[in-house]
mmCIF file of all heavy atoms, coordinates in Angstrom:
data_MODEL
# 
_entry.id   MODEL 
# 
loop_
_atom_site.group_PDB 
_atom_site.id 
_atom_site.type_symbol 
_atom_site.label_atom_id 
_atom_site.label_alt_id 
_atom_site.label_comp_id 
_atom_site.label_asym_id 
_atom_site.label_entity_id 
_atom_site.label_seq_id 
_atom_site.pdbx_PDB_ins_code 
_atom_site.Cartn_x 
_atom_site.Cartn_y 
_atom_site.Cartn_z 
_atom_site.occupancy 
_atom_site.B_iso_or_equiv 
_atom_site.pdbx_formal_charge 
_atom_site.auth_seq_id 
_atom_site.auth_comp_id 
_atom_site.auth_asym_id 
_atom_site.auth_atom_id 
_atom_site.pdbx_PDB_model_num 
ATOM 1   N N   . SER A 1 1  ? 121.208 11.322 -68.920 1.00 0.00 ? 1  SER A N   1 
ATOM 2   C CA  . SER A 1 1  ? 120.129 12.220 -68.311 1.00 0.00 ? 1  SER A CA  1 
ATOM 3   C C   . SER A 1 1  ? 120.391 13.674 -68.699 1.00 0.00 ? 1  SER A C   1 
ATOM 4   O O   . SER A 1 1  ? 119.496 14.409 -68.977 1.00 0.00 ? 1  SER A O   1 
ATOM 5   C CB  . SER A 1 1  ? 120.090 12.014 -66.872 1.00 0.00 ? 1  SER A CB  1 
ATOM 6   O OG  . SER A 1 1  ? 121.308 12.384 -66.232 1.00 0.00 ? 1  SER A OG  1 
ATOM 7   N N   . SER A 1 2  ? 121.700 14.085 -68.697 1.00 0.00 ? 2  SER A N   1 
ATOM 8   C CA  . SER A 1 2  ? 122.021 15.459 -69.079 1.00 0.00 ? 2  SER A CA  1 
ATOM 9   C C   . SER A 1 2  ? 121.710 15.694 -70.542 1.00 0.00 ? 2  SER A C   1 
ATOM 10  O O   . SER A 1 2  ? 121.122 16.736 -70.932 1.00 0.00 ? 2  SER A O   1 
ATOM 11  C CB  . SER A 1 2  ? 123.567 15.691 -68.887 1.00 0.00 ? 2  SER A CB  1 
ATOM 12  O OG  . SER A 1 2  ? 123.955 16.917 -69.373 1.00 0.00 ? 2  SER A OG  1 
ATOM 13  N N   . PHE A 1 3  ? 121.982 14.699 -71.355 1.00 0.00 ? 3  PHE A N   1 
ATOM 14  C CA  . PHE A 1 3  ? 121.613 14.816 -72.806 1.00 0.00 ? 3  PHE A CA  1 
ATOM 15  C C   . PHE A 1 3  ? 120.141 14.891 -72.975 1.00 0.00 ? 3  PHE A C   1 
ATOM 16  O O   . PHE A 1 3  ? 119.606 15.619 -73.834 1.00 0.00 ? 3  PHE A O   1 
ATOM 17  C CB  . PHE A 1 3  ? 122.172 13.627 -73.541 1.00 0.00 ? 3  PHE A CB  1 
ATOM 18  C CG  . PHE A 1 3  ? 121.860 13.579 -75.001 1.00 0.00 ? 3  PHE A CG  1 
ATOM 19  C CD1 . PHE A 1 3  ? 122.288 14.568 -75.879 1.00 0.00 ? 3  PHE A CD1 1 
ATOM 20  C CD2 . PHE A 1 3  ? 121.056 12.555 -75.560 1.00 0.00 ? 3  PHE A CD2 1 
ATOM 21  C CE1 . PHE A 1 3  ? 122.031 14.547 -77.236 1.00 0.00 ? 3  PHE A CE1 1 
ATOM 22  C CE2 . PHE A 1 3  ? 120.743 12.499 -76.914 1.00 0.00 ? 3  PHE A CE2 1 
ATOM 23  C CZ  . PHE A 1 3  ? 121.226 13.507 -77.722 1.00 0.00 ? 3  PHE A CZ  1 
ATOM 24  N N   . GLY A 1 4  ? 119.353 14.171 -72.089 1.00 0.00 ? 4  GLY A N   1 
ATOM 25  C CA  . GLY A 1 4  ? 117.903 14.216 -72.193 1.00 0.00 ? 4  GLY A CA  1 
ATOM 26  C C   . GLY A 1 4  ? 117.315 15.600 -72.024 1.00 0.00 ? 4  GLY A C   1 
ATOM 27  O O   . GLY A 1 4  ? 116.452 16.080 -72.773 1.00 0.00 ? 4  GLY A O   1 
ATOM 28  N N   . LEU A 1 5  ? 117.906 16.327 -70.969 1.00 0.00 ? 5  LEU A N   1 
ATOM 29  C CA  . LEU A 1 5  ? 117.446 17.729 -70.724 1.00 0.00 ? 5  LEU A CA  1 
ATOM 30  C C   . LEU A 1 5  ? 117.794 18.587 -71.957 1.00 0.00 ? 5  LEU A C   1 
ATOM 31  O O   . LEU A 1 5  ? 116.982 19.383 -72.339 1.00 0.00 ? 5  LEU A O   1 
ATOM 32  C CB  . LEU A 1 5  ? 118.094 18.264 -69.436 1.00 0.00 ? 5  LEU A CB  1 
ATOM 33  C CG  . LEU A 1 5  ? 117.762 19.652 -69.069 1.00 0.00 ? 5  LEU A CG  1 
ATOM 34  C CD1 . LEU A 1 5  ? 116.256 19.860 -68.937 1.00 0.00 ? 5  LEU A CD1 1 
ATOM 35  C CD2 . LEU A 1 5  ? 118.495 20.060 -67.766 1.00 0.00 ? 5  LEU A CD2 1 
ATOM 36  N N   . SER A 1 6  ? 118.956 18.394 -72.495 1.00 0.00 ? 6  SER A N   1 
ATOM 37  C CA  . SER A 1 6  ? 119.425 19.200 -73.654 1.00 0.00 ? 6  SER A CA  1 
ATOM 38  C C   . SER A 1 6  ? 118.441 19.024 -74.825 1.00 0.00 ? 6  SER A C   1 
ATOM 39  O O   . SER A 1 6  ? 118.085 19.975 -75.542 1.00 0.00 ? 6  SER A O   1 
ATOM 40  C CB  . SER A 1 6  ? 120.822 18.885 -74.017 1.00 0.00 ? 6  SER A CB  1 
ATOM 41  O OG  . SER A 1 6  ? 121.710 19.044 -73.006 1.00 0.00 ? 6  SER A OG  1 
ATOM 42  N N   . THR A 1 7  ? 118.039 17.761 -75.034 1.00 0.00 ? 7  THR A N   1 
ATOM 43  C CA  . THR A 1 7  ? 117.227 17.484 -76.246 1.00 0.00 ? 7  THR A CA  1 
ATOM 44  C C   . THR A 1 7  ? 115.816 17.960 -76.039 1.00 0.00 ? 7  THR A C   1 
ATOM 45  O O   . THR A 1 7  ? 115.118 18.384 -77.014 1.00 0.00 ? 7  THR A O   1 
ATOM 46  C CB  . THR A 1 7  ? 117.169 15.948 -76.515 1.00 0.00 ? 7  THR A CB  1 
ATOM 47  O OG1 . THR A 1 7  ? 116.865 15.233 -75.260 1.00 0.00 ? 7  THR A OG1 1 
ATOM 48  C CG2 . THR A 1 7  ? 118.503 15.480 -77.034 1.00 0.00 ? 7  THR A CG2 1 
ATOM 49  N N   . VAL A 1 8  ? 115.287 17.911 -74.768 1.00 0.00 ? 8  VAL A N   1 
ATOM 50  C CA  . VAL A 1 8  ? 113.975 18.470 -74.564 1.00 0.00 ? 8  VAL A CA  1 
ATOM 51  C C   . VAL A 1 8  ? 113.942 19.944 -74.871 1.00 0.00 ? 8  VAL A C   1 
ATOM 52  O O   . VAL A 1 8  ? 112.970 20.483 -75.510 1.00 0.00 ? 8  VAL A O   1 
ATOM 53  C CB  . VAL A 1 8  ? 113.495 18.200 -73.049 1.00 0.00 ? 8  VAL A CB  1 
ATOM 54  C CG1 . VAL A 1 8  ? 112.285 18.992 -72.753 1.00 0.00 ? 8  VAL A CG1 1 
ATOM 55  C CG2 . VAL A 1 8  ? 113.236 16.761 -72.825 1.00 0.00 ? 8  VAL A CG2 1 
ATOM 56  N N   . ILE A 1 9  ? 114.920 20.667 -74.462 1.00 0.00 ? 9  ILE A N   1 
ATOM 57  C CA  . ILE A 1 9  ? 115.058 22.074 -74.757 1.00 0.00 ? 9  ILE A CA  1 
ATOM 58  C C   . ILE A 1 9  ? 115.089 22.277 -76.279 1.00 0.00 ? 9  ILE A C   1 
ATOM 59  O O   . ILE A 1 9  ? 114.477 23.147 -76.769 1.00 0.00 ? 9  ILE A O   1 
ATOM 60  C CB  . ILE A 1 9  ? 116.324 22.650 -74.048 1.00 0.00 ? 9  ILE A CB  1 
ATOM 61  C CG1 . ILE A 1 9  ? 116.182 22.609 -72.556 1.00 0.00 ? 9  ILE A CG1 1 
ATOM 62  C CG2 . ILE A 1 9  ? 116.589 24.052 -74.536 1.00 0.00 ? 9  ILE A CG2 1 
ATOM 63  C CD1 . ILE A 1 9  ? 117.457 22.977 -71.812 1.00 0.00 ? 9  ILE A CD1 1 
ATOM 64  N N   . ALA A 1 10 ? 115.919 21.424 -76.924 1.00 0.00 ? 10 ALA A N   1 
ATOM 65  C CA  . ALA A 1 10 ? 116.026 21.608 -78.404 1.00 0.00 ? 10 ALA A CA  1 
ATOM 66  C C   . ALA A 1 10 ? 114.706 21.364 -79.095 1.00 0.00 ? 10 ALA A C   1 
ATOM 67  O O   . ALA A 1 10 ? 114.357 22.041 -80.077 1.00 0.00 ? 10 ALA A O   1 
ATOM 68  C CB  . ALA A 1 10 ? 117.060 20.592 -78.897 1.00 0.00 ? 10 ALA A CB  1 
ATOM 69  N N   . VAL A 1 11 ? 113.893 20.399 -78.635 1.00 0.00 ? 11 VAL A N   1 
ATOM 70  C CA  . VAL A 1 11 ? 112.619 20.125 -79.274 1.00 0.00 ? 11 VAL A CA  1 
ATOM 71  C C   . VAL A 1 11 ? 111.642 21.293 -79.069 1.00 0.00 ? 11 VAL A C   1 
ATOM 72  O O   . VAL A 1 11 ? 110.903 21.684 -79.960 1.00 0.00 ? 11 VAL A O   1 
ATOM 73  C CB  . VAL A 1 11 ? 111.991 18.802 -78.727 1.00 0.00 ? 11 VAL A CB  1 
ATOM 74  C CG1 . VAL A 1 11 ? 110.546 18.664 -79.220 1.00 0.00 ? 11 VAL A CG1 1 
ATOM 75  C CG2 . VAL A 1 11 ? 112.802 17.647 -79.183 1.00 0.00 ? 11 VAL A CG2 1 
ATOM 76  N N   . VAL A 1 12 ? 111.641 21.856 -77.864 1.00 0.00 ? 12 VAL A N   1 
ATOM 77  C CA  . VAL A 1 12 ? 110.749 22.978 -77.531 1.00 0.00 ? 12 VAL A CA  1 
ATOM 78  C C   . VAL A 1 12 ? 111.120 24.169 -78.409 1.00 0.00 ? 12 VAL A C   1 
ATOM 79  O O   . VAL A 1 12 ? 110.279 24.851 -79.017 1.00 0.00 ? 12 VAL A O   1 
ATOM 80  C CB  . VAL A 1 12 ? 110.843 23.393 -76.076 1.00 0.00 ? 12 VAL A CB  1 
ATOM 81  C CG1 . VAL A 1 12 ? 110.103 24.724 -75.789 1.00 0.00 ? 12 VAL A CG1 1 
ATOM 82  C CG2 . VAL A 1 12 ? 110.287 22.265 -75.184 1.00 0.00 ? 12 VAL A CG2 1 
ATOM 83  N N   . PHE A 1 13 ? 112.407 24.409 -78.594 1.00 0.00 ? 13 PHE A N   1 
ATOM 84  C CA  . PHE A 1 13 ? 112.842 25.505 -79.436 1.00 0.00 ? 13 PHE A CA  1 
ATOM 85  C C   . PHE A 1 13 ? 112.498 25.275 -80.913 1.00 0.00 ? 13 PHE A C   1 
ATOM 86  O O   . PHE A 1 13 ? 112.228 26.126 -81.713 1.00 0.00 ? 13 PHE A O   1 
ATOM 87  C CB  . PHE A 1 13 ? 114.367 25.706 -79.318 1.00 0.00 ? 13 PHE A CB  1 
ATOM 88  C CG  . PHE A 1 13 ? 114.794 26.406 -78.054 1.00 0.00 ? 13 PHE A CG  1 
ATOM 89  C CD1 . PHE A 1 13 ? 116.044 26.279 -77.519 1.00 0.00 ? 13 PHE A CD1 1 
ATOM 90  C CD2 . PHE A 1 13 ? 113.883 27.246 -77.366 1.00 0.00 ? 13 PHE A CD2 1 
ATOM 91  C CE1 . PHE A 1 13 ? 116.436 26.920 -76.365 1.00 0.00 ? 13 PHE A CE1 1 
ATOM 92  C CE2 . PHE A 1 13 ? 114.262 27.945 -76.241 1.00 0.00 ? 13 PHE A CE2 1 
ATOM 93  C CZ  . PHE A 1 13 ? 115.562 27.752 -75.690 1.00 0.00 ? 13 PHE A CZ  1 
ATOM 94  N N   . SER A 1 14 ? 112.537 23.910 -81.307 1.00 0.00 ? 14 SER A N   1 
ATOM 95  C CA  . SER A 1 14 ? 112.205 23.558 -82.683 1.00 0.00 ? 14 SER A CA  1 
ATOM 96  C C   . SER A 1 14 ? 110.792 23.867 -82.987 1.00 0.00 ? 14 SER A C   1 
ATOM 97  O O   . SER A 1 14 ? 110.428 24.281 -84.066 1.00 0.00 ? 14 SER A O   1 
ATOM 98  C CB  . SER A 1 14 ? 112.517 22.054 -82.860 1.00 0.00 ? 14 SER A CB  1 
ATOM 99  O OG  . SER A 1 14 ? 113.875 21.753 -82.781 1.00 0.00 ? 14 SER A OG  1 
ATOM 100 N N   . LEU A 1 15 ? 109.885 23.648 -82.011 1.00 0.00 ? 15 LEU A N   1 
ATOM 101 C CA  . LEU A 1 15 ? 108.463 23.994 -82.151 1.00 0.00 ? 15 LEU A CA  1 
ATOM 102 C C   . LEU A 1 15 ? 108.314 25.484 -82.279 1.00 0.00 ? 15 LEU A C   1 
ATOM 103 O O   . LEU A 1 15 ? 107.521 25.944 -83.146 1.00 0.00 ? 15 LEU A O   1 
ATOM 104 C CB  . LEU A 1 15 ? 107.678 23.478 -80.955 1.00 0.00 ? 15 LEU A CB  1 
ATOM 105 C CG  . LEU A 1 15 ? 107.351 21.980 -80.885 1.00 0.00 ? 15 LEU A CG  1 
ATOM 106 C CD1 . LEU A 1 15 ? 106.639 21.586 -79.610 1.00 0.00 ? 15 LEU A CD1 1 
ATOM 107 C CD2 . LEU A 1 15 ? 106.489 21.571 -82.089 1.00 0.00 ? 15 LEU A CD2 1 
ATOM 108 N N   . ILE A 1 16 ? 108.999 26.197 -81.441 1.00 0.00 ? 16 ILE A N   1 
ATOM 109 C CA  . ILE A 1 16 ? 108.940 27.725 -81.543 1.00 0.00 ? 16 ILE A CA  1 
ATOM 110 C C   . ILE A 1 16 ? 109.434 28.127 -82.907 1.00 0.00 ? 16 ILE A C   1 
ATOM 111 O O   . ILE A 1 16 ? 108.848 29.052 -83.557 1.00 0.00 ? 16 ILE A O   1 
ATOM 112 C CB  . ILE A 1 16 ? 109.717 28.351 -80.436 1.00 0.00 ? 16 ILE A CB  1 
ATOM 113 C CG1 . ILE A 1 16 ? 109.132 27.978 -79.095 1.00 0.00 ? 16 ILE A CG1 1 
ATOM 114 C CG2 . ILE A 1 16 ? 109.779 29.872 -80.640 1.00 0.00 ? 16 ILE A CG2 1 
ATOM 115 C CD1 . ILE A 1 16 ? 109.939 28.453 -77.862 1.00 0.00 ? 16 ILE A CD1 1 
ATOM 116 N N   . GLY A 1 17 ? 110.509 27.531 -83.335 1.00 0.00 ? 17 GLY A N   1 
ATOM 117 C CA  . GLY A 1 17 ? 110.994 27.868 -84.687 1.00 0.00 ? 17 GLY A CA  1 
ATOM 118 C C   . GLY A 1 17 ? 110.063 27.625 -85.808 1.00 0.00 ? 17 GLY A C   1 
ATOM 119 O O   . GLY A 1 17 ? 109.939 28.439 -86.719 1.00 0.00 ? 17 GLY A O   1 
ATOM 120 N N   . ALA A 1 18 ? 109.304 26.493 -85.727 1.00 0.00 ? 18 ALA A N   1 
ATOM 121 C CA  . ALA A 1 18 ? 108.342 26.098 -86.823 1.00 0.00 ? 18 ALA A CA  1 
ATOM 122 C C   . ALA A 1 18 ? 107.097 27.007 -86.766 1.00 0.00 ? 18 ALA A C   1 
ATOM 123 O O   . ALA A 1 18 ? 106.586 27.367 -87.843 1.00 0.00 ? 18 ALA A O   1 
ATOM 124 C CB  . ALA A 1 18 ? 108.020 24.672 -86.617 1.00 0.00 ? 18 ALA A CB  1 
ATOM 125 N N   . ILE A 1 19 ? 106.643 27.324 -85.507 1.00 0.00 ? 19 ILE A N   1 
ATOM 126 C CA  . ILE A 1 19 ? 105.317 27.974 -85.429 1.00 0.00 ? 19 ILE A CA  1 
ATOM 127 C C   . ILE A 1 19 ? 105.507 29.484 -85.417 1.00 0.00 ? 19 ILE A C   1 
ATOM 128 O O   . ILE A 1 19 ? 104.522 30.212 -85.740 1.00 0.00 ? 19 ILE A O   1 
ATOM 129 C CB  . ILE A 1 19 ? 104.602 27.452 -84.125 1.00 0.00 ? 19 ILE A CB  1 
ATOM 130 C CG1 . ILE A 1 19 ? 104.276 25.999 -84.290 1.00 0.00 ? 19 ILE A CG1 1 
ATOM 131 C CG2 . ILE A 1 19 ? 103.393 28.290 -83.833 1.00 0.00 ? 19 ILE A CG2 1 
ATOM 132 C CD1 . ILE A 1 19 ? 103.732 25.340 -83.029 1.00 0.00 ? 19 ILE A CD1 1 
ATOM 133 N N   . VAL A 1 20 ? 106.621 29.999 -84.942 1.00 0.00 ? 20 VAL A N   1 
ATOM 134 C CA  . VAL A 1 20 ? 106.833 31.451 -84.818 1.00 0.00 ? 20 VAL A CA  1 
ATOM 135 C C   . VAL A 1 20 ? 107.760 31.986 -85.861 1.00 0.00 ? 20 VAL A C   1 
ATOM 136 O O   . VAL A 1 20 ? 107.442 32.934 -86.593 1.00 0.00 ? 20 VAL A O   1 
ATOM 137 C CB  . VAL A 1 20 ? 107.293 31.813 -83.374 1.00 0.00 ? 20 VAL A CB  1 
ATOM 138 C CG1 . VAL A 1 20 ? 107.547 33.321 -83.275 1.00 0.00 ? 20 VAL A CG1 1 
ATOM 139 C CG2 . VAL A 1 20 ? 106.351 31.353 -82.318 1.00 0.00 ? 20 VAL A CG2 1 
ATOM 140 N N   . ILE A 1 21 ? 108.953 31.416 -85.975 1.00 0.00 ? 21 ILE A N   1 
ATOM 141 C CA  . ILE A 1 21 ? 109.959 31.953 -86.882 1.00 0.00 ? 21 ILE A CA  1 
ATOM 142 C C   . ILE A 1 21 ? 109.656 31.696 -88.366 1.00 0.00 ? 21 ILE A C   1 
ATOM 143 O O   . ILE A 1 21 ? 109.830 32.562 -89.204 1.00 0.00 ? 21 ILE A O   1 
ATOM 144 C CB  . ILE A 1 21 ? 111.371 31.410 -86.526 1.00 0.00 ? 21 ILE A CB  1 
ATOM 145 C CG1 . ILE A 1 21 ? 111.677 31.621 -85.035 1.00 0.00 ? 21 ILE A CG1 1 
ATOM 146 C CG2 . ILE A 1 21 ? 112.453 32.125 -87.358 1.00 0.00 ? 21 ILE A CG2 1 
ATOM 147 C CD1 . ILE A 1 21 ? 111.540 33.081 -84.576 1.00 0.00 ? 21 ILE A CD1 1 
ATOM 148 N N   . MET A 1 22 ? 109.187 30.473 -88.649 1.00 0.00 ? 22 MET A N   1 
ATOM 149 C CA  . MET A 1 22 ? 108.858 30.128 -90.050 1.00 0.00 ? 22 MET A CA  1 
ATOM 150 C C   . MET A 1 22 ? 107.776 31.071 -90.605 1.00 0.00 ? 22 MET A C   1 
ATOM 151 O O   . MET A 1 22 ? 107.947 31.522 -91.786 1.00 0.00 ? 22 MET A O   1 
ATOM 152 C CB  . MET A 1 22 ? 108.420 28.672 -90.141 1.00 0.00 ? 22 MET A CB  1 
ATOM 153 C CG  . MET A 1 22 ? 109.505 27.686 -90.404 1.00 0.00 ? 22 MET A CG  1 
ATOM 154 S SD  . MET A 1 22 ? 110.406 28.043 -91.939 1.00 0.00 ? 22 MET A SD  1 
ATOM 155 C CE  . MET A 1 22 ? 109.275 27.428 -93.187 1.00 0.00 ? 22 MET A CE  1 
ATOM 156 N N   . PRO A 1 23 ? 106.615 31.362 -89.960 1.00 0.00 ? 23 PRO A N   1 
ATOM 157 C CA  . PRO A 1 23 ? 105.729 32.336 -90.496 1.00 0.00 ? 23 PRO A CA  1 
ATOM 158 C C   . PRO A 1 23 ? 106.317 33.676 -90.741 1.00 0.00 ? 23 PRO A C   1 
ATOM 159 O O   . PRO A 1 23 ? 105.982 34.335 -91.773 1.00 0.00 ? 23 PRO A O   1 
ATOM 160 C CB  . PRO A 1 23 ? 104.609 32.395 -89.397 1.00 0.00 ? 23 PRO A CB  1 
ATOM 161 C CG  . PRO A 1 23 ? 104.699 31.107 -88.715 1.00 0.00 ? 23 PRO A CG  1 
ATOM 162 C CD  . PRO A 1 23 ? 106.181 30.726 -88.732 1.00 0.00 ? 23 PRO A CD  1 
ATOM 163 N N   . ALA A 1 24 ? 107.243 34.098 -89.862 1.00 0.00 ? 24 ALA A N   1 
ATOM 164 C CA  . ALA A 1 24 ? 107.857 35.433 -90.095 1.00 0.00 ? 24 ALA A CA  1 
ATOM 165 C C   . ALA A 1 24 ? 108.728 35.387 -91.321 1.00 0.00 ? 24 ALA A C   1 
ATOM 166 O O   . ALA A 1 24 ? 108.698 36.327 -92.175 1.00 0.00 ? 24 ALA A O   1 
ATOM 167 C CB  . ALA A 1 24 ? 108.743 35.773 -88.894 1.00 0.00 ? 24 ALA A CB  1 
ATOM 168 N N   . VAL A 1 25 ? 109.503 34.304 -91.521 1.00 0.00 ? 25 VAL A N   1 
ATOM 169 C CA  . VAL A 1 25 ? 110.357 34.170 -92.695 1.00 0.00 ? 25 VAL A CA  1 
ATOM 170 C C   . VAL A 1 25 ? 109.488 34.079 -93.992 1.00 0.00 ? 25 VAL A C   1 
ATOM 171 O O   . VAL A 1 25 ? 109.839 34.745 -94.954 1.00 0.00 ? 25 VAL A O   1 
ATOM 172 C CB  . VAL A 1 25 ? 111.275 32.974 -92.579 1.00 0.00 ? 25 VAL A CB  1 
ATOM 173 C CG1 . VAL A 1 25 ? 112.118 32.724 -93.813 1.00 0.00 ? 25 VAL A CG1 1 
ATOM 174 C CG2 . VAL A 1 25 ? 112.210 33.113 -91.340 1.00 0.00 ? 25 VAL A CG2 1 
ATOM 175 N N   . LEU A 1 26 ? 108.488 33.272 -93.946 1.00 0.00 ? 26 LEU A N   1 
ATOM 176 C CA  . LEU A 1 26 ? 107.557 33.125 -95.047 1.00 0.00 ? 26 LEU A CA  1 
ATOM 177 C C   . LEU A 1 26 ? 106.890 34.443 -95.427 1.00 0.00 ? 26 LEU A C   1 
ATOM 178 O O   . LEU A 1 26 ? 106.660 34.771 -96.657 1.00 0.00 ? 26 LEU A O   1 
ATOM 179 C CB  . LEU A 1 26 ? 106.558 32.013 -94.825 1.00 0.00 ? 26 LEU A CB  1 
ATOM 180 C CG  . LEU A 1 26 ? 107.082 30.612 -94.777 1.00 0.00 ? 26 LEU A CG  1 
ATOM 181 C CD1 . LEU A 1 26 ? 105.996 29.639 -94.317 1.00 0.00 ? 26 LEU A CD1 1 
ATOM 182 C CD2 . LEU A 1 26 ? 107.723 30.183 -96.120 1.00 0.00 ? 26 LEU A CD2 1 
# 
């Protein structure tokens, strides 16, 4: 269950990275 919370956070950050950080880098 602890790992579950960690992975949910990781996925949300992954979305932010793809939608926000990637456009900035490109």
